[in-house]
N, C-alpha and C. Protein backbone atom coordinates (compact mmCIF):
# COMPACT_ATOMS: atom_id res chain seq x y z
N UNK A 1 41.77 -20.16 -22.78
CA UNK A 1 41.45 -18.89 -22.21
C UNK A 1 42.73 -18.08 -22.06
N UNK A 2 42.66 -16.83 -22.39
CA UNK A 2 43.81 -15.96 -22.37
C UNK A 2 44.18 -15.57 -20.94
N UNK A 3 45.47 -15.52 -20.62
CA UNK A 3 45.94 -15.25 -19.27
C UNK A 3 45.81 -13.80 -18.85
N UNK A 4 45.64 -12.86 -19.78
CA UNK A 4 45.57 -11.45 -19.42
C UNK A 4 44.14 -10.93 -19.26
N UNK A 5 43.19 -11.80 -19.22
CA UNK A 5 41.80 -11.40 -19.00
C UNK A 5 41.54 -11.21 -17.51
N UNK A 6 40.58 -10.34 -17.20
CA UNK A 6 40.17 -10.15 -15.82
C UNK A 6 39.28 -11.32 -15.40
N UNK A 7 39.07 -11.53 -14.10
CA UNK A 7 38.17 -12.62 -13.67
C UNK A 7 36.78 -12.50 -14.29
N UNK A 8 36.26 -11.28 -14.41
CA UNK A 8 34.93 -11.10 -15.00
C UNK A 8 34.92 -11.50 -16.46
N UNK A 9 35.97 -11.19 -17.18
CA UNK A 9 36.04 -11.58 -18.59
C UNK A 9 36.14 -13.10 -18.73
N UNK A 10 36.88 -13.73 -17.82
CA UNK A 10 37.00 -15.18 -17.85
C UNK A 10 35.66 -15.84 -17.57
N UNK A 11 34.93 -15.33 -16.58
CA UNK A 11 33.60 -15.86 -16.26
C UNK A 11 32.69 -15.71 -17.48
N UNK A 12 32.73 -14.55 -18.08
CA UNK A 12 31.89 -14.28 -19.26
C UNK A 12 32.20 -15.25 -20.39
N UNK A 13 33.48 -15.49 -20.66
CA UNK A 13 33.87 -16.43 -21.72
C UNK A 13 33.33 -17.83 -21.45
N UNK A 14 33.47 -18.29 -20.21
CA UNK A 14 32.98 -19.63 -19.86
C UNK A 14 31.46 -19.73 -20.01
N UNK A 15 30.74 -18.70 -19.57
CA UNK A 15 29.28 -18.75 -19.66
C UNK A 15 28.79 -18.64 -21.10
N UNK A 16 29.59 -18.04 -21.97
CA UNK A 16 29.22 -17.98 -23.39
C UNK A 16 29.34 -19.36 -24.03
N UNK A 17 30.23 -20.20 -23.49
CA UNK A 17 30.45 -21.54 -24.04
C UNK A 17 29.33 -22.50 -23.70
N UNK A 18 28.63 -22.28 -22.59
CA UNK A 18 27.55 -23.17 -22.19
C UNK A 18 27.30 -23.10 -20.70
N UNK A 19 26.33 -23.88 -20.22
CA UNK A 19 25.96 -23.84 -18.80
C UNK A 19 27.06 -24.33 -17.86
N UNK A 20 27.23 -23.61 -16.77
CA UNK A 20 28.19 -23.96 -15.73
C UNK A 20 27.57 -23.65 -14.37
N UNK A 21 27.85 -24.50 -13.38
CA UNK A 21 27.45 -24.19 -12.02
C UNK A 21 28.61 -23.46 -11.33
N UNK A 22 28.36 -22.93 -10.15
CA UNK A 22 29.40 -22.20 -9.43
C UNK A 22 30.63 -23.08 -9.18
N UNK A 23 30.40 -24.33 -8.85
CA UNK A 23 31.52 -25.23 -8.58
C UNK A 23 32.39 -25.42 -9.83
N UNK A 24 31.76 -25.60 -10.99
CA UNK A 24 32.51 -25.73 -12.25
C UNK A 24 33.37 -24.49 -12.50
N UNK A 25 32.75 -23.32 -12.35
CA UNK A 25 33.48 -22.07 -12.57
C UNK A 25 34.62 -21.93 -11.58
N UNK A 26 34.37 -22.28 -10.34
CA UNK A 26 35.38 -22.18 -9.29
C UNK A 26 36.59 -23.06 -9.60
N UNK A 27 36.33 -24.29 -9.99
CA UNK A 27 37.42 -25.22 -10.28
C UNK A 27 38.18 -24.82 -11.54
N UNK A 28 37.47 -24.37 -12.56
CA UNK A 28 38.11 -23.98 -13.81
C UNK A 28 38.98 -22.73 -13.64
N UNK A 29 38.46 -21.75 -12.89
CA UNK A 29 39.16 -20.47 -12.75
C UNK A 29 40.09 -20.42 -11.54
N UNK A 30 39.98 -21.39 -10.63
CA UNK A 30 40.81 -21.38 -9.44
C UNK A 30 40.45 -20.26 -8.49
N UNK A 31 39.17 -19.91 -8.44
CA UNK A 31 38.68 -18.85 -7.56
C UNK A 31 37.62 -19.43 -6.64
N UNK A 32 37.46 -18.87 -5.42
CA UNK A 32 36.41 -19.36 -4.53
C UNK A 32 35.01 -19.09 -5.12
N UNK A 33 34.07 -19.96 -4.78
CA UNK A 33 32.69 -19.81 -5.27
C UNK A 33 32.11 -18.47 -4.83
N UNK A 34 32.41 -18.02 -3.62
CA UNK A 34 31.88 -16.75 -3.12
C UNK A 34 32.37 -15.58 -3.97
N UNK A 35 33.59 -15.66 -4.43
CA UNK A 35 34.14 -14.59 -5.28
C UNK A 35 33.41 -14.56 -6.62
N UNK A 36 33.18 -15.71 -7.19
CA UNK A 36 32.46 -15.79 -8.47
C UNK A 36 31.03 -15.31 -8.29
N UNK A 37 30.41 -15.68 -7.19
CA UNK A 37 29.04 -15.25 -6.88
C UNK A 37 28.97 -13.73 -6.80
N UNK A 38 29.99 -13.10 -6.24
CA UNK A 38 30.04 -11.64 -6.14
C UNK A 38 30.27 -10.99 -7.50
N UNK A 39 30.93 -11.69 -8.42
CA UNK A 39 31.24 -11.13 -9.74
C UNK A 39 30.08 -11.25 -10.73
N UNK A 40 29.19 -12.21 -10.54
CA UNK A 40 28.11 -12.46 -11.52
C UNK A 40 27.22 -11.24 -11.77
N UNK A 41 26.80 -10.47 -10.74
CA UNK A 41 25.99 -9.29 -11.05
C UNK A 41 26.74 -8.27 -11.91
N UNK A 42 28.05 -8.13 -11.72
CA UNK A 42 28.85 -7.21 -12.51
C UNK A 42 28.97 -7.70 -13.96
N UNK A 43 29.13 -9.00 -14.12
CA UNK A 43 29.18 -9.58 -15.47
C UNK A 43 27.84 -9.33 -16.17
N UNK A 44 26.76 -9.52 -15.44
CA UNK A 44 25.43 -9.32 -16.03
C UNK A 44 25.23 -7.87 -16.47
N UNK A 45 25.66 -6.93 -15.64
CA UNK A 45 25.53 -5.52 -16.00
C UNK A 45 26.35 -5.18 -17.25
N UNK A 46 27.50 -5.79 -17.39
CA UNK A 46 28.34 -5.51 -18.56
C UNK A 46 27.75 -6.08 -19.85
N UNK A 47 26.81 -7.02 -19.73
CA UNK A 47 26.20 -7.64 -20.90
C UNK A 47 25.03 -6.83 -21.46
N UNK A 48 24.43 -5.96 -20.64
CA UNK A 48 23.23 -5.23 -21.08
C UNK A 48 23.43 -4.42 -22.35
N UNK A 49 24.54 -3.68 -22.51
CA UNK A 49 24.72 -2.93 -23.77
C UNK A 49 24.81 -3.84 -25.00
N UNK A 50 25.17 -5.08 -24.79
CA UNK A 50 25.28 -6.04 -25.89
C UNK A 50 23.98 -6.80 -26.14
N UNK A 51 22.94 -6.46 -25.36
CA UNK A 51 21.64 -7.13 -25.43
C UNK A 51 21.75 -8.62 -25.11
N UNK A 52 22.62 -8.94 -24.17
CA UNK A 52 22.79 -10.30 -23.68
C UNK A 52 22.40 -10.33 -22.21
N UNK A 53 22.20 -11.54 -21.69
CA UNK A 53 21.88 -11.67 -20.27
C UNK A 53 22.35 -13.02 -19.77
N UNK A 54 22.49 -13.10 -18.44
CA UNK A 54 22.82 -14.37 -17.82
C UNK A 54 21.50 -15.07 -17.51
N UNK A 55 21.34 -16.24 -18.04
CA UNK A 55 20.17 -17.06 -17.76
C UNK A 55 20.60 -18.22 -16.87
N UNK A 56 19.62 -18.88 -16.30
CA UNK A 56 19.98 -20.01 -15.46
C UNK A 56 19.03 -21.17 -15.63
N UNK A 57 19.60 -22.35 -15.47
CA UNK A 57 18.80 -23.56 -15.33
C UNK A 57 18.54 -23.60 -13.83
N UNK A 58 17.28 -23.45 -13.42
CA UNK A 58 17.00 -23.19 -12.00
C UNK A 58 17.38 -24.34 -11.08
N UNK A 59 17.71 -23.98 -9.83
CA UNK A 59 17.96 -25.02 -8.83
C UNK A 59 16.66 -25.76 -8.53
N UNK A 60 16.79 -27.00 -8.03
CA UNK A 60 15.59 -27.75 -7.67
C UNK A 60 15.88 -28.63 -6.45
N UNK A 61 14.81 -28.98 -5.76
CA UNK A 61 14.91 -29.83 -4.58
C UNK A 61 15.02 -31.28 -5.03
N UNK A 62 16.01 -31.96 -4.51
CA UNK A 62 16.18 -33.38 -4.86
C UNK A 62 15.13 -34.26 -4.20
N UNK A 63 14.54 -33.80 -3.10
CA UNK A 63 13.55 -34.60 -2.38
C UNK A 63 12.18 -34.59 -3.05
N UNK A 64 11.68 -33.39 -3.36
CA UNK A 64 10.32 -33.30 -3.90
C UNK A 64 10.27 -32.77 -5.33
N UNK A 65 11.43 -32.46 -5.92
CA UNK A 65 11.56 -31.97 -7.30
C UNK A 65 11.01 -30.56 -7.52
N UNK A 66 10.81 -29.79 -6.44
CA UNK A 66 10.36 -28.41 -6.58
C UNK A 66 11.44 -27.60 -7.30
N UNK A 67 11.05 -26.85 -8.34
CA UNK A 67 12.00 -26.03 -9.10
C UNK A 67 11.84 -24.57 -8.71
N UNK A 68 12.93 -23.91 -8.44
CA UNK A 68 12.95 -22.50 -8.08
C UNK A 68 13.01 -21.67 -9.37
N UNK A 69 11.93 -21.65 -10.13
CA UNK A 69 11.92 -21.09 -11.48
C UNK A 69 12.06 -19.57 -11.52
N UNK A 70 11.46 -18.85 -10.61
CA UNK A 70 11.46 -17.39 -10.68
C UNK A 70 12.48 -16.76 -9.76
N UNK A 71 13.54 -17.45 -9.45
CA UNK A 71 14.56 -16.94 -8.54
C UNK A 71 15.49 -16.00 -9.30
N UNK A 72 15.69 -14.79 -8.76
CA UNK A 72 16.57 -13.82 -9.40
C UNK A 72 17.97 -13.81 -8.81
N UNK A 73 18.16 -14.39 -7.64
CA UNK A 73 19.48 -14.46 -7.02
C UNK A 73 20.33 -15.52 -7.70
N UNK A 74 21.64 -15.31 -7.65
CA UNK A 74 22.56 -16.28 -8.24
C UNK A 74 22.92 -17.39 -7.27
N UNK A 75 22.73 -17.17 -5.99
CA UNK A 75 23.11 -18.17 -4.98
C UNK A 75 22.12 -19.33 -4.93
N UNK A 76 22.59 -20.45 -4.41
CA UNK A 76 21.75 -21.62 -4.25
C UNK A 76 20.84 -21.43 -3.03
N UNK A 77 19.55 -21.76 -3.13
CA UNK A 77 18.66 -21.63 -1.98
C UNK A 77 19.08 -22.57 -0.85
N UNK A 78 18.73 -22.21 0.37
CA UNK A 78 19.09 -23.03 1.53
C UNK A 78 18.14 -24.18 1.78
N UNK A 79 16.83 -23.90 1.69
CA UNK A 79 15.81 -24.92 1.97
C UNK A 79 14.70 -24.86 0.94
N UNK A 80 14.06 -25.99 0.75
CA UNK A 80 12.90 -26.07 -0.12
C UNK A 80 11.69 -25.49 0.61
N UNK A 81 10.92 -24.62 -0.03
CA UNK A 81 9.76 -24.06 0.64
C UNK A 81 8.62 -25.06 0.84
N UNK A 82 8.63 -26.16 0.09
CA UNK A 82 7.56 -27.15 0.22
C UNK A 82 7.85 -28.20 1.28
N UNK A 83 8.99 -28.88 1.14
CA UNK A 83 9.28 -30.00 2.04
C UNK A 83 10.35 -29.67 3.08
N UNK A 84 10.93 -28.46 3.02
CA UNK A 84 11.94 -27.99 3.96
C UNK A 84 13.26 -28.75 3.90
N UNK A 85 13.45 -29.56 2.87
CA UNK A 85 14.70 -30.30 2.71
C UNK A 85 15.82 -29.35 2.32
N UNK A 86 17.03 -29.72 2.64
CA UNK A 86 18.19 -28.90 2.28
C UNK A 86 18.99 -29.50 1.13
N UNK A 87 18.46 -30.53 0.52
CA UNK A 87 19.15 -31.18 -0.60
C UNK A 87 18.75 -30.49 -1.91
N UNK A 88 19.35 -29.33 -2.14
CA UNK A 88 19.03 -28.51 -3.30
C UNK A 88 20.13 -28.66 -4.35
N UNK A 89 19.74 -28.95 -5.56
CA UNK A 89 20.68 -29.03 -6.68
C UNK A 89 21.04 -27.61 -7.12
N UNK A 90 22.29 -27.36 -7.35
CA UNK A 90 22.78 -26.02 -7.70
C UNK A 90 22.27 -25.56 -9.06
N UNK A 91 22.08 -24.24 -9.24
CA UNK A 91 21.69 -23.72 -10.55
C UNK A 91 22.87 -23.72 -11.50
N UNK A 92 22.58 -23.76 -12.78
CA UNK A 92 23.59 -23.64 -13.83
C UNK A 92 23.35 -22.33 -14.56
N UNK A 93 24.41 -21.61 -14.86
CA UNK A 93 24.32 -20.31 -15.51
C UNK A 93 24.91 -20.36 -16.91
N UNK A 94 24.36 -19.54 -17.79
CA UNK A 94 24.87 -19.43 -19.16
C UNK A 94 24.43 -18.08 -19.70
N UNK A 95 25.09 -17.64 -20.75
CA UNK A 95 24.75 -16.37 -21.39
C UNK A 95 24.02 -16.68 -22.67
N UNK A 96 22.87 -16.04 -22.82
CA UNK A 96 22.08 -16.24 -24.03
C UNK A 96 21.64 -14.89 -24.59
N UNK A 97 21.62 -14.76 -25.91
CA UNK A 97 21.08 -13.55 -26.49
C UNK A 97 19.56 -13.51 -26.31
N UNK A 98 18.94 -12.34 -26.34
CA UNK A 98 17.50 -12.28 -26.16
C UNK A 98 16.76 -13.03 -27.26
N UNK A 99 15.67 -13.68 -26.87
CA UNK A 99 14.84 -14.39 -27.84
C UNK A 99 15.25 -15.83 -28.11
N UNK A 100 16.30 -16.34 -27.44
CA UNK A 100 16.73 -17.72 -27.67
C UNK A 100 16.20 -18.61 -26.58
N UNK A 101 16.02 -19.87 -26.92
CA UNK A 101 15.52 -20.87 -25.99
C UNK A 101 16.64 -21.37 -25.09
N UNK A 102 16.29 -21.85 -23.91
CA UNK A 102 17.26 -22.45 -22.97
C UNK A 102 17.75 -23.78 -23.53
N UNK A 103 19.01 -24.17 -23.22
CA UNK A 103 19.52 -25.45 -23.73
C UNK A 103 18.85 -26.64 -23.08
């Protein structure tokens, strides 16, 4: 990764390579997860003219396996709506062109 890229460009490059969770991005870029979470909507907006979008492998509850499939937020949910457990697996994000299948 090139050193003169902005944080948003670095996030975009990583997501083009494949799925990453917030923790992976944070450790790779040396930025707090909250900062990356704040940057993701801006990265997504910059992709629209290119007909690209940020997709996600949805978070799920480790207790009952409930998947948060229609979640539009980038943050991890706090509790499962079914069993109320807080053991939620983090979502993974990636950039995909329109019409392509999830990995």
